[in-house]
Protein backbone atom coordinates (compact mmCIF):
# COMPACT_ATOMS: atom_id res chain seq x y z
CA MET A 1 129.30 100.01 105.81
CA ALA A 2 127.61 99.65 102.44
CA GLY A 3 124.23 99.09 104.08
CA GLY A 4 124.68 102.17 106.28
CA LEU A 5 125.65 104.30 103.30
CA ARG A 6 122.51 103.20 101.46
CA LEU A 7 120.30 104.40 104.28
CA LEU A 8 122.30 107.58 104.62
CA ARG A 9 121.67 108.54 101.03
CA GLY A 10 118.02 107.55 101.25
CA ALA A 11 117.49 109.72 104.31
CA LEU A 12 119.03 112.61 102.44
CA GLY A 13 116.84 111.97 99.46
CA VAL A 14 119.78 112.17 97.04
CA ARG A 15 122.21 109.83 95.35
CA GLY A 16 125.94 110.20 95.33
CA ALA A 17 126.35 112.53 98.34
CA PRO A 18 128.70 110.65 100.68
CA HIS A 19 129.90 113.81 102.41
CA LEU A 20 126.51 114.34 104.03
CA GLY A 21 125.94 112.55 107.32
CA GLY A 22 123.13 112.00 109.76
CA ALA A 23 120.57 109.31 110.51
CA LEU A 24 123.07 106.59 109.67
CA ALA A 25 121.78 103.14 110.60
CA LEU A 26 121.03 99.73 109.12
CA CYS A 27 117.66 99.18 107.41
CA GLY A 28 117.46 95.65 108.78
CA VAL A 29 117.38 97.04 112.31
CA LEU A 30 115.35 100.20 111.89
CA PRO A 31 111.91 98.60 111.28
CA LEU A 32 112.03 97.30 114.85
CA LEU A 33 112.08 100.88 116.02
CA LEU A 34 108.64 101.51 114.57
CA ARG A 35 106.95 98.18 114.96
CA GLY A 36 108.58 96.81 118.13
CA ALA A 37 110.50 93.59 118.54
CA ALA A 38 108.77 90.33 117.69
CA PRO A 39 107.40 88.43 120.71
CA ALA A 40 109.42 85.49 122.00
CA LEU A 41 108.15 82.06 120.99
CA ALA A 42 109.31 80.23 124.10
CA ALA A 43 106.55 78.80 126.23
CA GLY A 44 106.05 80.00 129.76
CA PRO A 45 103.95 82.25 131.93
CA ALA A 46 102.84 85.60 130.57
CA GLN A 47 105.28 88.39 131.26
CA ALA A 48 104.57 91.97 132.18
CA PRO A 49 104.25 94.30 129.17
CA THR A 50 107.47 95.92 128.00
CA PRO A 51 107.62 99.59 128.99
CA ALA A 52 107.55 102.17 126.22
CA PRO A 53 110.99 102.85 124.76
CA PRO A 54 112.70 106.07 125.81
CA PHE A 55 113.39 108.93 123.46
CA ARG A 56 116.70 109.83 121.94
CA ARG A 57 117.81 112.93 120.04
CA VAL A 58 119.28 112.37 116.59
CA ASP A 59 120.16 114.44 113.53
CA ILE A 60 118.08 114.06 110.36
CA ALA A 61 119.52 115.38 107.09
CA LEU A 62 117.23 115.91 104.10
CA SER A 63 118.02 116.89 100.54
CA CYS A 64 116.02 120.00 99.60
CA SER A 65 115.65 122.72 97.03
CA TYR A 66 116.04 126.38 97.90
CA LEU A 67 113.50 128.63 96.17
CA GLY A 68 114.29 132.32 96.24
CA GLU A 69 116.97 134.82 95.37
CA ASP A 70 120.23 135.76 97.01
CA ALA A 71 121.48 139.24 97.70
CA GLY A 72 122.62 139.63 94.10
CA GLY A 73 119.46 138.14 92.61
CA SER A 74 121.37 135.34 90.87
CA LEU A 75 118.76 132.74 91.79
CA ARG A 76 115.99 134.62 90.06
CA ALA A 77 115.25 133.09 86.68
CA SER A 78 114.08 135.01 83.64
CA GLY A 79 110.45 136.05 83.71
CA GLY A 80 110.49 136.71 87.46
CA SER A 81 109.98 133.09 88.58
CA SER A 82 112.19 131.52 91.25
CA SER A 83 114.61 128.80 90.22
CA LYS A 84 115.71 125.89 92.36
CA HIS A 85 119.10 125.62 93.97
CA PRO A 86 120.41 122.55 95.85
CA ALA A 87 120.05 122.78 99.63
CA THR A 88 120.27 120.56 102.68
CA LEU A 89 118.10 120.76 105.78
CA VAL A 90 119.70 119.31 108.91
CA LEU A 91 117.26 118.92 111.79
CA ARG A 92 119.44 118.90 114.90
CA GLY A 93 118.43 117.11 118.07
CA VAL A 94 115.19 115.57 116.84
CA SER A 95 113.53 113.41 119.49
CA VAL A 96 112.68 109.87 118.31
CA ARG A 97 111.76 106.67 120.12
CA ASP A 98 114.76 104.51 120.94
CA ASP A 99 114.35 100.85 121.83
CA GLY A 100 118.08 100.19 121.73
CA ASN A 101 118.41 99.79 117.96
CA LEU A 102 119.84 103.24 117.20
CA ASP A 103 123.44 102.47 118.13
CA ASP A 104 124.57 102.94 114.52
CA VAL A 105 123.11 106.43 114.20
CA THR A 106 125.80 109.06 113.74
CA GLU A 107 125.81 112.84 114.01
CA TYR A 108 125.71 115.02 110.94
CA LYS A 109 129.10 116.22 109.73
CA ALA A 110 129.20 119.42 107.70
CA PRO A 111 131.17 119.47 104.42
CA GLN A 112 134.84 120.28 104.97
CA LYS A 113 135.30 122.52 101.97
CA LYS A 114 134.41 126.20 102.06
CA PRO A 115 131.04 126.87 100.35
CA ASP A 116 130.83 128.91 97.17
CA SER A 117 127.96 130.19 95.04
CA TYR A 118 127.48 126.76 93.48
CA SER A 119 127.53 124.73 96.70
CA PRO A 120 124.28 123.49 98.26
CA VAL A 121 122.93 125.85 100.91
CA VAL A 122 123.06 123.97 104.22
CA PHE A 123 120.47 124.94 106.85
CA GLU A 124 121.13 123.63 110.34
CA ALA A 125 117.87 123.82 112.27
CA SER A 126 117.83 123.35 116.03
CA ALA A 127 114.76 121.42 117.18
CA GLN A 128 115.37 121.58 120.92
CA SER A 129 112.34 123.68 121.92
CA ILE A 130 109.80 122.37 119.38
CA SER A 131 109.11 118.74 118.61
CA ILE A 132 109.37 117.69 114.98
CA PRO A 133 106.22 115.80 113.94
CA HIS A 134 106.45 112.41 112.24
CA ALA A 135 110.16 112.24 113.07
CA GLU A 136 110.26 108.44 112.74
CA SER A 137 108.86 108.66 109.20
CA LEU A 138 111.53 111.20 108.27
CA LEU A 139 114.26 109.06 109.83
CA HIS A 140 113.22 105.81 108.16
CA THR A 141 112.32 107.02 104.67
CA ASP A 142 114.84 104.71 102.98
CA CYS A 143 113.77 101.60 104.89
CA ASP A 144 110.05 102.29 104.43
CA GLY A 145 110.38 103.12 100.74
CA GLU A 146 109.05 106.66 101.15
CA GLU A 147 110.16 109.75 99.30
CA VAL A 148 110.50 113.21 100.83
CA ASN A 149 110.05 116.38 98.83
CA CYS A 150 111.67 119.31 100.67
CA GLU A 151 111.54 122.95 99.63
CA ILE A 152 112.98 125.93 101.54
CA SER A 153 112.12 129.50 100.70
CA PRO A 154 112.43 132.97 102.31
CA TYR A 155 109.60 133.85 104.68
CA SER A 156 108.22 137.19 105.79
CA PRO A 157 106.60 137.31 109.26
CA GLN A 158 103.31 139.13 109.67
CA GLN A 159 105.05 141.83 111.73
CA ALA A 160 108.35 142.23 109.93
CA GLY A 161 110.89 144.61 111.37
CA GLU A 162 112.19 147.73 109.66
CA GLY A 163 115.65 148.73 108.56
CA PRO A 164 118.22 147.26 106.17
CA CYS A 165 119.27 144.51 108.60
CA GLN A 166 116.58 142.19 109.91
CA THR A 167 116.33 138.67 111.21
CA SER A 168 116.27 136.18 108.37
CA TRP A 169 113.27 133.88 108.23
CA PHE A 170 112.74 130.79 106.12
CA ILE A 171 109.99 128.22 105.74
CA ALA A 172 110.67 124.57 104.97
CA THR A 173 107.88 122.51 103.43
CA LEU A 174 108.21 118.72 103.66
CA ARG A 175 105.91 116.37 101.78
CA LEU A 176 106.16 112.61 102.17
CA SER A 177 104.89 110.21 99.55
CA SER A 178 102.60 108.66 102.18
CA GLY A 179 100.63 111.95 102.31
CA ILE A 180 102.21 113.60 105.36
CA SER A 181 102.92 117.32 105.03
CA ILE A 182 105.05 119.38 107.45
CA ALA A 183 105.74 123.13 107.52
CA LEU A 184 108.67 124.44 109.59
CA VAL A 185 109.27 128.15 110.18
CA LEU A 186 113.02 128.71 110.68
CA ARG A 187 114.49 131.73 112.41
CA GLY A 188 117.84 132.56 110.83
CA PRO A 189 120.80 134.73 111.82
CA HIS A 190 120.59 138.51 111.96
CA CYS A 191 121.39 140.29 108.70
CA SER A 192 124.42 142.32 109.83
CA SER A 193 127.41 143.56 107.89
CA GLN A 194 130.73 141.74 108.10
CA GLU A 195 132.54 144.87 109.31
CA GLU A 196 130.23 145.32 112.31
CA HIS A 197 130.29 141.80 113.66
CA ARG A 198 133.31 140.33 111.88
CA ALA A 199 131.08 137.50 110.69
CA THR A 200 131.61 135.53 107.53
CA LEU A 201 128.68 135.99 105.19
CA HIS A 202 127.28 133.20 103.11
CA PRO A 203 128.45 133.67 99.50
CA LYS A 204 124.93 133.29 98.13
CA LEU A 205 122.48 134.60 100.74
CA ARG A 206 124.82 137.22 102.27
CA ILE A 207 123.85 136.44 105.85
CA PRO A 208 126.18 135.26 108.65
CA MET A 209 127.15 131.61 108.47
CA SER A 210 128.91 129.28 110.88
CA GLU A 211 132.58 128.37 110.72
CA GLU A 212 131.58 125.20 108.87
CA GLY A 213 129.77 127.22 106.20
CA THR A 214 126.23 126.38 107.33
CA LEU A 215 123.31 128.65 108.20
CA LEU A 216 122.34 128.24 111.84
CA THR A 217 118.57 128.45 112.38
CA THR A 218 116.01 127.45 114.99
CA VAL A 219 112.54 125.98 114.51
CA GLU A 220 110.11 128.59 115.88
CA PHE A 221 106.84 127.18 114.60
CA GLN A 222 105.69 123.95 113.00
CA SER A 223 102.42 122.61 111.68
CA SER A 224 101.61 119.28 110.09
CA SER A 225 98.91 117.06 108.65
CA ARG A 226 98.85 113.32 108.17
CA ASN A 227 96.93 113.50 104.90
CA THR A 228 96.95 115.78 101.89
CA SER A 229 93.97 113.85 100.48
CA LEU A 230 91.25 111.63 101.93
CA ARG A 231 88.55 109.44 100.44
CA THR A 232 85.43 108.49 102.36
CA HIS A 233 81.93 107.03 101.87
CA LEU A 234 78.58 108.71 102.18
CA GLY A 235 77.24 108.96 105.71
CA SER A 236 80.60 108.26 107.34
CA SER A 237 82.54 110.43 109.80
CA VAL A 238 86.04 111.62 109.02
CA THR A 239 88.76 113.58 110.85
CA LEU A 240 90.89 116.07 108.94
CA ASP A 241 94.23 116.04 110.74
CA CYS A 242 95.99 119.32 111.57
CA HIS A 243 98.53 119.83 114.39
CA PHE A 244 100.94 122.60 115.35
CA ALA A 245 103.58 123.49 117.94
CA LEU A 246 104.94 126.91 118.98
CA ALA A 247 108.12 128.14 120.58
CA PRO A 248 107.74 128.93 124.31
CA SER A 249 107.81 132.66 123.55
CA SER A 250 104.90 132.46 121.06
CA THR A 251 101.13 132.09 121.49
CA LEU A 252 98.23 131.03 119.29
CA SER A 253 96.30 133.91 117.76
CA SER A 254 93.70 132.18 115.62
CA LEU A 255 92.60 129.01 113.89
CA GLU A 256 90.41 128.89 110.82
CA TRP A 257 89.00 126.02 108.78
CA ARG A 258 87.73 126.80 105.30
CA ARG A 259 86.29 124.69 102.49
CA GLN A 260 86.79 125.52 98.84
CA HIS A 261 85.11 123.76 95.95
CA ARG A 262 84.57 124.74 92.32
CA GLY A 263 85.58 128.35 92.81
CA SER A 264 83.56 129.06 95.93
CA GLY A 265 84.74 129.14 99.55
CA ARG A 266 83.11 128.94 102.94
CA ARG A 267 84.38 129.36 106.49
CA LEU A 268 83.44 126.34 108.60
CA PHE A 269 85.09 126.96 111.98
CA TRP A 270 87.12 129.73 113.59
CA TYR A 271 88.79 130.47 116.89
CA GLU A 272 90.28 133.86 117.72
CA LEU A 273 91.27 135.22 121.13
CA GLY A 274 88.74 133.10 122.97
CA SER A 275 85.96 133.63 120.42
CA ILE A 276 84.62 130.47 118.79
CA GLY A 277 82.38 130.19 115.75
CA SER A 278 81.04 127.42 113.57
CA ALA A 279 78.97 127.49 110.39
CA ALA A 280 77.48 124.05 111.12
CA PRO A 281 77.83 123.10 114.82
CA SER A 282 76.14 119.73 114.40
CA LYS A 283 78.33 118.74 111.47
CA VAL A 284 81.83 120.13 112.15
CA HIS A 285 83.70 120.13 115.44
CA VAL A 286 87.11 121.14 116.79
CA ASP A 287 88.08 120.18 120.33
CA VAL A 288 89.09 123.55 121.75
CA ALA A 289 90.60 121.99 124.86
CA GLU A 290 92.92 119.88 122.71
CA LEU A 291 93.58 122.86 120.47
CA LEU A 292 94.87 124.99 123.33
CA GLY A 293 96.44 122.14 125.29
CA SER A 294 98.28 119.99 122.74
CA GLY A 295 98.02 121.93 119.49
CA ASP A 296 95.48 119.54 117.97
CA ALA A 297 93.52 121.63 115.46
CA SER A 298 91.91 118.67 113.69
CA LEU A 299 88.41 119.07 112.27
CA SER A 300 85.80 116.31 112.73
CA LEU A 301 83.21 116.08 109.98
CA GLN A 302 80.02 114.10 110.65
CA GLU A 303 77.60 112.41 108.22
CA VAL A 304 79.59 113.12 105.09
CA SER A 305 77.51 113.95 102.02
CA VAL A 306 78.33 114.70 98.41
CA GLY A 307 78.13 118.41 99.24
CA ASP A 308 81.05 118.07 101.68
CA GLU A 309 83.52 117.25 98.93
CA GLY A 310 86.28 119.81 98.31
CA THR A 311 89.57 121.21 99.61
CA TYR A 312 89.73 121.93 103.35
CA ILE A 313 92.23 124.53 104.55
CA CYS A 314 93.60 124.54 108.09
CA LEU A 315 95.09 127.99 108.80
CA VAL A 316 96.99 128.44 112.08
CA SER A 317 98.23 131.92 113.03
CA THR A 318 100.44 133.43 115.73
CA PRO A 319 101.30 137.12 116.19
CA LEU A 320 104.30 136.57 113.88
CA HIS A 321 103.62 133.50 111.79
CA LYS A 322 100.97 131.87 109.69
CA ALA A 323 100.91 128.41 108.10
CA GLN A 324 98.25 126.39 106.36
CA HIS A 325 97.62 122.84 105.18
CA ASN A 326 95.31 121.83 102.35
CA ILE A 327 93.45 118.53 102.57
CA HIS A 328 91.42 117.34 99.60
CA LEU A 329 88.34 115.36 100.64
CA GLN A 330 86.78 113.12 98.02
CA VAL A 331 83.50 111.24 98.36
CA ALA A 332 83.49 107.83 96.66
CA GLU A 333 80.45 105.55 96.86
CA PRO A 334 80.58 102.13 95.15
CA PRO A 335 77.78 101.07 92.79
CA ARG A 336 75.18 98.39 93.39
CA VAL A 337 74.87 96.11 90.35
CA HIS A 338 71.95 93.81 89.51
CA LEU A 339 71.34 91.81 86.31
CA ILE A 340 67.90 90.53 85.23
CA PRO A 341 66.96 87.92 84.27
CA GLU A 342 69.58 85.60 85.73
CA VAL A 343 68.51 82.61 83.62
CA VAL A 344 67.44 82.84 79.95
CA SER A 345 65.63 80.04 78.13
CA PHE A 346 66.62 79.58 74.49
CA GLU A 347 63.63 79.95 72.17
CA ARG A 348 63.82 80.07 68.40
CA GLY A 349 62.50 83.24 66.85
CA VAL A 350 62.60 85.15 70.15
CA THR A 351 64.91 88.05 71.14
CA THR A 352 65.69 88.33 74.86
CA THR A 353 66.99 91.53 76.52
CA LEU A 354 69.30 91.47 79.53
CA THR A 355 69.08 94.49 81.85
CA CYS A 356 72.09 95.53 83.98
CA ASN A 357 71.13 98.10 86.61
CA ILE A 358 74.01 100.13 88.13
CA ALA A 359 72.87 102.39 90.97
CA GLY A 360 74.05 104.48 93.95
CA TYR A 361 77.57 105.38 92.77
CA TYR A 362 79.60 108.58 93.09
CA PRO A 363 81.44 110.25 91.37
CA LEU A 364 79.85 110.15 87.93
CA ASP A 365 82.51 108.25 85.98
CA VAL A 366 81.62 104.57 85.62
CA SER A 367 82.68 101.95 83.08
CA VAL A 368 80.26 99.21 81.92
CA SER A 369 81.13 96.38 79.51
CA TRP A 370 79.63 93.04 78.41
CA THR A 371 81.23 89.69 77.59
CA LYS A 372 80.04 86.32 76.31
CA LYS A 373 81.48 82.93 77.25
CA THR A 374 80.62 79.54 75.72
CA PRO A 375 81.98 76.19 76.91
CA LYS A 376 84.26 75.66 73.90
CA LYS A 377 85.33 79.25 73.27
CA ALA A 378 87.18 81.95 75.20
CA LYS A 379 85.41 84.96 76.67
CA ILE A 380 84.73 87.58 73.99
CA PRO A 381 83.69 91.24 74.42
CA LEU A 382 80.33 92.43 73.13
CA SER A 383 79.74 95.86 71.61
CA ASN A 384 76.00 95.88 70.91
CA ALA A 385 74.93 97.09 74.37
CA ARG A 386 72.66 100.12 74.81
CA PHE A 387 72.71 102.62 77.71
CA SER A 388 70.22 104.89 79.36
CA SER A 389 71.14 108.42 80.42
CA HIS A 390 72.64 109.07 83.86
CA ARG A 391 70.13 109.66 86.63
CA GLN A 392 70.95 111.52 89.87
CA SER A 393 69.15 110.83 93.13
CA ARG A 394 68.53 113.22 96.01
CA ASP A 395 71.67 112.15 97.88
CA GLY A 396 73.79 113.08 94.86
CA THR A 397 74.59 109.54 93.71
CA TYR A 398 74.08 108.40 90.12
CA SER A 399 72.42 105.48 88.34
CA ILE A 400 72.54 104.10 84.81
CA THR A 401 71.08 101.07 83.01
CA SER A 402 72.69 99.00 80.27
CA TYR A 403 70.75 96.70 77.92
CA LEU A 404 71.98 93.72 75.90
CA SER A 405 69.75 92.03 73.31
CA ILE A 406 70.21 88.31 72.59
CA SER A 407 68.72 87.04 69.32
CA SER A 408 68.04 83.34 68.82
CA ALA A 409 69.26 83.69 65.23
CA THR A 410 72.81 84.39 66.38
CA ALA A 411 72.86 83.05 69.95
CA GLN A 412 74.57 79.83 70.91
CA ALA A 413 73.42 77.88 73.92
CA PRO A 414 74.59 77.17 76.51
CA ALA A 415 76.40 80.48 77.11
CA THR A 416 77.15 82.94 79.91
CA TYR A 417 76.62 86.70 79.44
CA SER A 418 78.34 88.98 81.99
CA CYS A 419 78.00 92.66 82.84
CA HIS A 420 81.25 94.17 84.19
CA VAL A 421 81.28 97.45 86.15
CA SER A 422 84.40 99.46 87.12
CA HIS A 423 84.36 102.51 89.40
CA LEU A 424 86.71 104.62 91.49
CA ALA A 425 85.20 103.36 94.76
CA LEU A 426 85.75 99.68 93.83
CA GLU A 427 88.96 97.82 94.58
CA LYS A 428 88.16 95.49 91.68
CA PRO A 429 85.36 95.45 89.07
CA ILE A 430 81.97 93.90 89.84
CA SER A 431 80.77 91.17 87.47
CA VAL A 432 77.25 89.74 87.35
CA SER A 433 76.19 86.99 84.93
CA ALA A 434 73.14 85.51 83.22
CA HIS A 435 73.05 81.98 81.79
CA LEU A 436 71.48 81.01 78.44
CA LYS A 437 70.23 77.41 78.61
CA ALA A 438 70.31 75.02 75.67
CA PRO A 439 66.93 73.96 74.21
CA GLU A 440 67.04 70.47 75.70
CA GLN A 441 67.76 71.95 79.10
CA THR A 442 64.75 74.26 79.26
CA GLY A 443 62.25 73.45 82.00
CA SER A 444 58.65 72.89 80.75
CA GLU A 445 59.61 72.02 77.18
CA GLY A 446 62.02 69.38 78.40
CA LEU A 447 59.40 67.75 80.63
CA LEU A 448 56.75 67.84 77.87
CA GLY A 449 59.15 66.33 75.37
CA SER A 450 60.07 63.54 77.75
CA PHE A 451 56.38 62.84 78.45
CA ILE A 452 55.49 62.67 74.74
CA ALA A 453 58.45 60.41 74.00
CA THR A 454 57.37 58.08 76.80
CA ILE A 455 53.78 57.88 75.46
CA ILE A 456 55.00 57.14 71.94
CA PHE A 457 57.31 54.44 73.26
CA ILE A 458 54.45 52.78 75.18
CA VAL A 459 52.09 52.90 72.16
CA VAL A 460 54.69 51.36 69.88
CA LEU A 461 55.43 48.69 72.46
CA PHE A 462 51.74 47.70 72.71
CA ILE A 463 51.44 47.54 68.95
CA VAL A 464 54.44 45.27 68.60
CA LEU A 465 53.34 43.00 71.41
CA GLY A 466 49.80 42.88 69.97
CA ARG A 467 51.06 41.80 66.59
CA ARG A 468 53.22 39.09 68.08
CA ALA A 469 50.26 37.75 70.11
CA ALA A 470 47.94 37.71 67.08
CA LYS A 471 50.36 35.97 64.64
CA PRO A 472 50.02 32.32 65.92
CA GLU A 473 46.16 32.38 65.60
CA SER A 474 46.32 33.56 61.99
CA GLU A 475 48.74 30.78 61.12
CA GLN A 476 46.40 28.08 62.61
CA LEU A 477 43.34 29.00 60.49
CA PRO A 478 44.59 27.38 57.26
CA LYS A 479 45.42 24.15 59.12
CA ALA A 480 41.90 23.87 60.51
CA SER A 481 40.31 24.27 57.06
CA GLU A 482 42.33 21.41 55.68
């Protein structure tokens, strides 16, 4: 029971709300719903693939904030800005995949007490005619460690009716920490007086509510995107995800993709009543057949360049409704780093300069640092490096060069000098190194010294041997004279 309550509160996105039900199941079981059961380890002949699990309708309850004002204006804060009021969105009858591990899921139970002006506003949304996108992600937020930000606000259709009593409309915006965004247009009850229909009005919104004190709504239109931000490399192809679904009584009026960057905007693709247009047919593409058939309004972008960076807006419209999703596209190209020379020979009285070339990176921000490491000492940072100015190539990428001077008066050999480069497009910094050799380890000087030492040794050896050979003859001369 404790495990089920933990998931229940996580699915609601709140803590300490045991009266709210829905999507009640054990976290230890739910991951199997998304990933499938682990294959059996027993040996034997290969079995036929397991058929796809069937679908099952469940209730998903989410903790939200209501942004707007009630009939008396009590939700309107000073200065004209909307304040937040606690709310709950209950998605009724959401279709999710069921592989047999949803036996612990329970239906949502509305609070038993009568709502007042301080109670959370509970929206019950029927999802029978329109599928809710990313339902599994919404259902398993607690088990997957995701957070859901839910906001509900009043919504005015493009062709609003006239008169004091109209159909109430609301829009629910869901944002998951993984980057998924969902917009749901909710059709609410008709705004009629209590005397005419003998309905009980909600104490805050003054519209008819159910006997349980909830607001009964239906999902009439939904749109979604898998990503609110994307990062890609130069020359790659990327798909900006945008999907939608309409109630059977509604039709698609238009689709528009726009790009905004640094205060300027440009229309890239548009579809309206059978008319199709594109600002760059070879670069951007929308599959119109998928658009009209399955509601796939995704934009494919080919050969991404620095100039394609910006915020892309997917705007889907029907005769009554309009919803948009913003996707921020960022270009990130990692730098190429090269250090010359790789080996430095120690020479007294000579200053050597190491050159670290960093090229082909985007965006501009890059961090370059130097360190020195000797065998008997720890790595220490160096602060005497010099830098060139940034250079920009035709493809928009940048380059910079860093210089480090090594003086024989202060240098210690052997030692390793490293150039470290950090950038947004790198998972970890790049480090390249140059090695300073000790004097006795240098190439030509070491060979010459060894050769000279050998010659001296041979000369000394001949002298000693010559003296020893000549000594007996000198000693015999006096004896002969006697």
